[in-house]
């Protein structure tokens, strides 16, 4: 938390989130903009969760102290998620206050609450996956892997859909085996869950299950990873 609140970049990002929240109050659809910024912040901060300590060799000094590696890792996750929560609260507060001040329509409390909760759950999932990747990869490769995987899965889904509609060769095979597309969609939704318009407990619990699995694997990998001095 201290790293973020003393960072000029983070303060600027909070200011931008507040301005976007104020601007979003002019839209008919509540929370139309700032949740995307919250998720983006989760990816940026999650990718740097342990990268700097590896790069500078600071982590070697940290793990020599009487603290378990998994405790250190999970505490970093909690700190990053707390910073993301603050950004989400800023966006929500800015839009809520602007809508109250305008008094043009009834306050969409339910939609704002669903957007706030959905943004936090999606952000926690992104942070957990980036923590897992950061526990086994070098420096900031986790962010590149995360973004690339998300893009590649989306592109493959689109290409398979086009191929199926064409009805020739591969398209016929996909029509006969719909489980291929369903399986790919399930994997994409498992790793990069899209926030539903209305928050549902079934979706929240499913995402939390993925988060728990990712963090458990991250702790196991981090416990066994060699931590060298200097550049990783």
Protein backbone atom coordinates (compact mmCIF):
# COMPACT_ATOMS: atom_id res chain seq x y z
CA UNK A 1 0.00 0.00 0.00
CA UNK A 2 2.81 2.40 0.88
CA UNK A 3 4.40 1.87 -2.52
CA UNK A 4 1.19 2.83 -4.29
CA UNK A 5 0.16 5.78 -2.15
CA UNK A 6 3.62 7.31 -2.49
CA UNK A 7 3.62 6.78 -6.25
CA UNK A 8 2.88 9.78 -8.44
CA UNK A 9 1.59 7.47 -11.14
CA UNK A 10 -0.96 5.93 -8.76
CA UNK A 11 -2.14 9.33 -7.55
CA UNK A 12 -2.56 10.49 -11.15
CA UNK A 13 -4.48 7.31 -11.93
CA UNK A 14 -6.84 7.94 -8.99
CA UNK A 15 -7.41 11.47 -10.26
CA UNK A 16 -8.15 10.15 -13.73
CA UNK A 17 -10.57 7.58 -12.29
CA UNK A 18 -12.38 10.33 -10.38
CA UNK A 19 -12.70 12.48 -13.51
CA UNK A 20 -13.94 9.53 -15.53
CA UNK A 21 -16.48 8.77 -12.79
CA UNK A 22 -17.74 12.35 -12.94
CA UNK A 23 -17.99 12.18 -16.72
CA UNK A 24 -19.76 8.79 -16.56
CA UNK A 25 -22.53 10.40 -14.51
CA UNK A 26 -23.72 12.09 -17.71
CA UNK A 27 -24.39 8.70 -19.35
CA UNK A 28 -27.71 6.88 -19.06
CA UNK A 29 -25.97 3.58 -18.37
CA UNK A 30 -24.43 3.66 -14.87
CA UNK A 31 -20.75 2.77 -14.36
CA UNK A 32 -20.08 2.79 -18.07
CA UNK A 33 -16.39 3.74 -17.88
CA UNK A 34 -14.50 3.61 -14.58
CA UNK A 35 -14.78 -0.21 -13.99
CA UNK A 36 -12.57 -0.69 -17.06
CA UNK A 37 -9.94 1.56 -15.48
CA UNK A 38 -10.13 -0.47 -12.27
CA UNK A 39 -9.45 -3.70 -14.15
CA UNK A 40 -6.60 -2.01 -16.03
CA UNK A 41 -5.08 -0.91 -12.73
CA UNK A 42 -5.34 -4.48 -11.43
CA UNK A 43 -3.35 -5.74 -14.42
CA UNK A 44 -0.71 -3.01 -14.11
CA UNK A 45 -0.21 -3.37 -10.37
CA UNK A 46 -0.61 -7.15 -10.42
CA UNK A 47 2.15 -7.52 -13.00
CA UNK A 48 4.54 -5.67 -10.68
CA UNK A 49 3.54 -7.58 -7.57
CA UNK A 50 6.95 -9.23 -7.04
CA UNK A 51 8.83 -8.27 -10.21
CA UNK A 52 10.83 -5.34 -8.79
CA UNK A 53 12.08 -7.38 -5.84
CA UNK A 54 13.36 -10.09 -8.18
CA UNK A 55 15.01 -7.58 -10.50
CA UNK A 56 16.85 -5.67 -7.76
CA UNK A 57 17.73 -8.63 -5.56
CA UNK A 58 15.72 -7.20 -2.66
CA UNK A 59 13.68 -10.39 -2.42
CA UNK A 60 16.77 -12.33 -1.39
CA UNK A 61 17.02 -10.15 1.72
CA UNK A 62 13.29 -10.38 2.42
CA UNK A 63 13.08 -14.17 2.33
CA UNK A 64 16.01 -14.50 4.74
CA UNK A 65 13.86 -12.92 7.45
CA UNK A 66 11.65 -15.12 9.66
CA UNK A 67 8.66 -14.87 7.35
CA UNK A 68 7.16 -17.62 5.24
CA UNK A 69 7.26 -17.03 1.53
CA UNK A 70 3.56 -17.71 1.11
CA UNK A 71 2.76 -15.16 3.82
CA UNK A 72 4.88 -12.57 2.03
CA UNK A 73 3.28 -13.39 -1.33
CA UNK A 74 -0.30 -13.26 -0.04
CA UNK A 75 0.40 -10.03 1.84
CA UNK A 76 1.57 -8.48 -1.42
CA UNK A 77 -1.61 -9.70 -3.11
CA UNK A 78 -3.69 -8.14 -0.32
CA UNK A 79 -1.83 -4.82 -0.65
CA UNK A 80 -2.29 -4.66 -4.42
CA UNK A 81 -5.97 -5.59 -4.13
CA UNK A 82 -6.47 -2.92 -1.46
CA UNK A 83 -4.98 -0.32 -3.81
CA UNK A 84 -7.38 -1.46 -6.53
CA UNK A 85 -10.31 -1.26 -4.07
CA UNK A 86 -9.42 2.35 -3.33
CA UNK A 87 -9.48 3.17 -7.05
CA UNK A 88 -12.86 1.46 -7.44
CA UNK A 89 -14.23 3.37 -4.46
CA UNK A 90 -12.99 6.65 -5.98
CA UNK A 91 -14.73 5.91 -9.29
CA UNK A 92 -17.94 4.84 -7.57
CA UNK A 93 -17.97 7.85 -5.24
CA UNK A 94 -17.28 10.33 -8.03
CA UNK A 95 -20.09 9.03 -10.20
CA UNK A 96 -22.49 8.64 -7.27
CA UNK A 97 -21.91 12.16 -6.00
CA UNK A 98 -22.22 13.62 -9.49
CA UNK A 99 -25.53 11.84 -10.05
CA UNK A 100 -26.82 12.98 -6.66
CA UNK A 101 -25.78 16.57 -7.39
CA UNK A 102 -27.52 16.58 -10.77
CA UNK A 103 -30.77 15.22 -9.32
CA UNK A 104 -31.96 14.51 -12.85
CA UNK A 105 -33.04 10.93 -12.17
CA UNK A 106 -33.35 8.33 -9.45
CA UNK A 107 -30.03 6.97 -8.21
CA UNK A 108 -29.22 3.60 -9.83
CA UNK A 109 -27.87 2.11 -6.60
CA UNK A 110 -28.28 -1.48 -7.76
CA UNK A 111 -26.42 -0.97 -11.05
CA UNK A 112 -23.61 0.97 -9.39
CA UNK A 113 -23.26 -1.66 -6.68
CA UNK A 114 -23.17 -4.49 -9.23
CA UNK A 115 -20.55 -2.66 -11.28
CA UNK A 116 -18.44 -1.97 -8.18
CA UNK A 117 -18.60 -5.58 -6.98
CA UNK A 118 -18.03 -6.99 -10.45
CA UNK A 119 -14.99 -4.78 -11.01
CA UNK A 120 -13.45 -5.90 -7.71
CA UNK A 121 -14.09 -9.60 -8.37
CA UNK A 122 -12.69 -9.39 -11.90
CA UNK A 123 -9.68 -7.45 -10.60
CA UNK A 124 -9.00 -10.03 -7.91
CA UNK A 125 -9.03 -12.76 -10.57
CA UNK A 126 -6.56 -10.82 -12.73
CA UNK A 127 -4.26 -10.23 -9.74
CA UNK A 128 -4.38 -13.91 -8.76
CA UNK A 129 -3.49 -15.08 -12.27
CA UNK A 130 -0.70 -12.52 -12.57
CA UNK A 131 0.61 -13.65 -9.18
CA UNK A 132 0.74 -17.23 -10.43
CA UNK A 133 2.53 -16.19 -13.61
CA UNK A 134 4.89 -13.91 -11.69
CA UNK A 135 5.83 -16.80 -9.40
CA UNK A 136 7.20 -18.86 -12.29
CA UNK A 137 8.32 -16.31 -14.90
CA UNK A 138 11.01 -13.68 -15.06
CA UNK A 139 10.41 -10.04 -14.23
CA UNK A 140 7.37 -8.58 -16.03
CA UNK A 141 6.82 -11.42 -18.50
CA UNK A 142 3.67 -12.29 -16.55
CA UNK A 143 1.83 -9.25 -17.91
CA UNK A 144 2.81 -10.09 -21.49
CA UNK A 145 1.73 -13.71 -21.04
CA UNK A 146 -1.57 -12.65 -19.44
CA UNK A 147 -2.52 -10.15 -22.16
CA UNK A 148 -1.33 -12.43 -24.98
CA UNK A 149 -3.29 -15.39 -23.65
CA UNK A 150 -6.46 -13.31 -23.37
CA UNK A 151 -6.10 -11.97 -26.92
CA UNK A 152 -5.18 -15.34 -28.42
CA UNK A 153 -8.14 -17.11 -26.81
CA UNK A 154 -10.53 -14.43 -28.07
CA UNK A 155 -9.07 -14.58 -31.59
CA UNK A 156 -9.27 -18.38 -31.69
CA UNK A 157 -12.89 -18.25 -30.54
CA UNK A 158 -13.73 -15.79 -33.31
CA UNK A 159 -11.89 -17.81 -35.98
CA UNK A 160 -13.62 -21.02 -34.95
CA UNK A 161 -16.98 -19.25 -35.10
CA UNK A 162 -16.25 -18.01 -38.63
CA UNK A 163 -15.03 -21.46 -39.69
CA UNK A 164 -18.16 -23.12 -38.31
CA UNK A 165 -20.45 -20.74 -40.17
CA UNK A 166 -18.59 -21.35 -43.44
CA UNK A 167 -19.70 -24.98 -43.33
CA UNK A 168 -16.74 -26.35 -45.29
CA UNK A 169 -14.06 -28.71 -44.03
CA UNK A 170 -13.23 -27.44 -40.57
CA UNK A 171 -16.69 -25.89 -40.33
CA UNK A 172 -18.39 -29.26 -40.80
CA UNK A 173 -16.10 -30.82 -38.22
CA UNK A 174 -16.99 -28.09 -35.71
CA UNK A 175 -20.70 -28.60 -36.36
CA UNK A 176 -20.28 -32.31 -35.59
CA UNK A 177 -18.14 -31.60 -32.50
CA UNK A 178 -19.64 -28.55 -30.71
CA UNK A 179 -17.76 -29.50 -27.56
CA UNK A 180 -14.60 -27.96 -29.02
CA UNK A 181 -16.01 -24.45 -29.04
CA UNK A 182 -17.83 -24.95 -25.75
CA UNK A 183 -14.60 -26.14 -24.14
CA UNK A 184 -12.62 -23.18 -25.45
CA UNK A 185 -15.33 -20.79 -24.28
CA UNK A 186 -15.30 -22.43 -20.85
CA UNK A 187 -11.51 -22.04 -20.59
CA UNK A 188 -11.71 -18.39 -21.65
CA UNK A 189 -14.49 -17.70 -19.15
CA UNK A 190 -12.58 -19.58 -16.43
CA UNK A 191 -9.42 -17.51 -16.87
CA UNK A 192 -10.84 -14.19 -18.06
CA UNK A 193 -14.35 -14.10 -16.64
CA UNK A 194 -16.57 -11.42 -18.15
CA UNK A 195 -18.52 -9.42 -15.58
CA UNK A 196 -22.28 -10.06 -16.00
CA UNK A 197 -24.66 -7.06 -16.18
CA UNK A 198 -26.18 -8.15 -12.88
CA UNK A 199 -23.92 -9.60 -10.23
CA UNK A 200 -24.79 -13.22 -9.43
CA UNK A 201 -23.56 -15.26 -6.49
CA UNK A 202 -22.93 -18.30 -8.68
CA UNK A 203 -20.56 -16.25 -10.85
CA UNK A 204 -18.84 -14.71 -7.81
CA UNK A 205 -18.27 -18.10 -6.18
CA UNK A 206 -16.97 -19.59 -9.43
CA UNK A 207 -14.47 -16.76 -9.84
CA UNK A 208 -13.40 -17.04 -6.20
CA UNK A 209 -12.75 -20.75 -6.74
CA UNK A 210 -10.44 -19.85 -9.64
CA UNK A 211 -8.73 -17.24 -7.48
CA UNK A 212 -8.11 -19.74 -4.68
CA UNK A 213 -6.67 -22.31 -7.10
CA UNK A 214 -4.40 -19.72 -8.74
CA UNK A 215 -3.10 -18.43 -5.39
CA UNK A 216 -2.50 -21.95 -4.04
CA UNK A 217 -0.47 -22.80 -7.14
CA UNK A 218 1.35 -19.48 -6.87
CA UNK A 219 2.31 -20.19 -3.26
CA UNK A 220 3.57 -23.66 -4.15
CA UNK A 221 5.64 -22.31 -7.04
CA UNK A 222 6.99 -19.40 -5.02
CA UNK A 223 8.04 -21.68 -2.15
CA UNK A 224 10.23 -23.68 -4.52
CA UNK A 225 11.58 -20.89 -6.68
CA UNK A 226 15.24 -20.01 -6.41
CA UNK A 227 15.76 -16.37 -5.50
CA UNK A 228 19.11 -15.12 -6.82
CA UNK A 229 20.93 -11.95 -5.88
CA UNK A 230 20.83 -9.10 -8.35
CA UNK A 231 18.98 -9.22 -11.64
CA UNK A 232 16.62 -12.17 -12.09
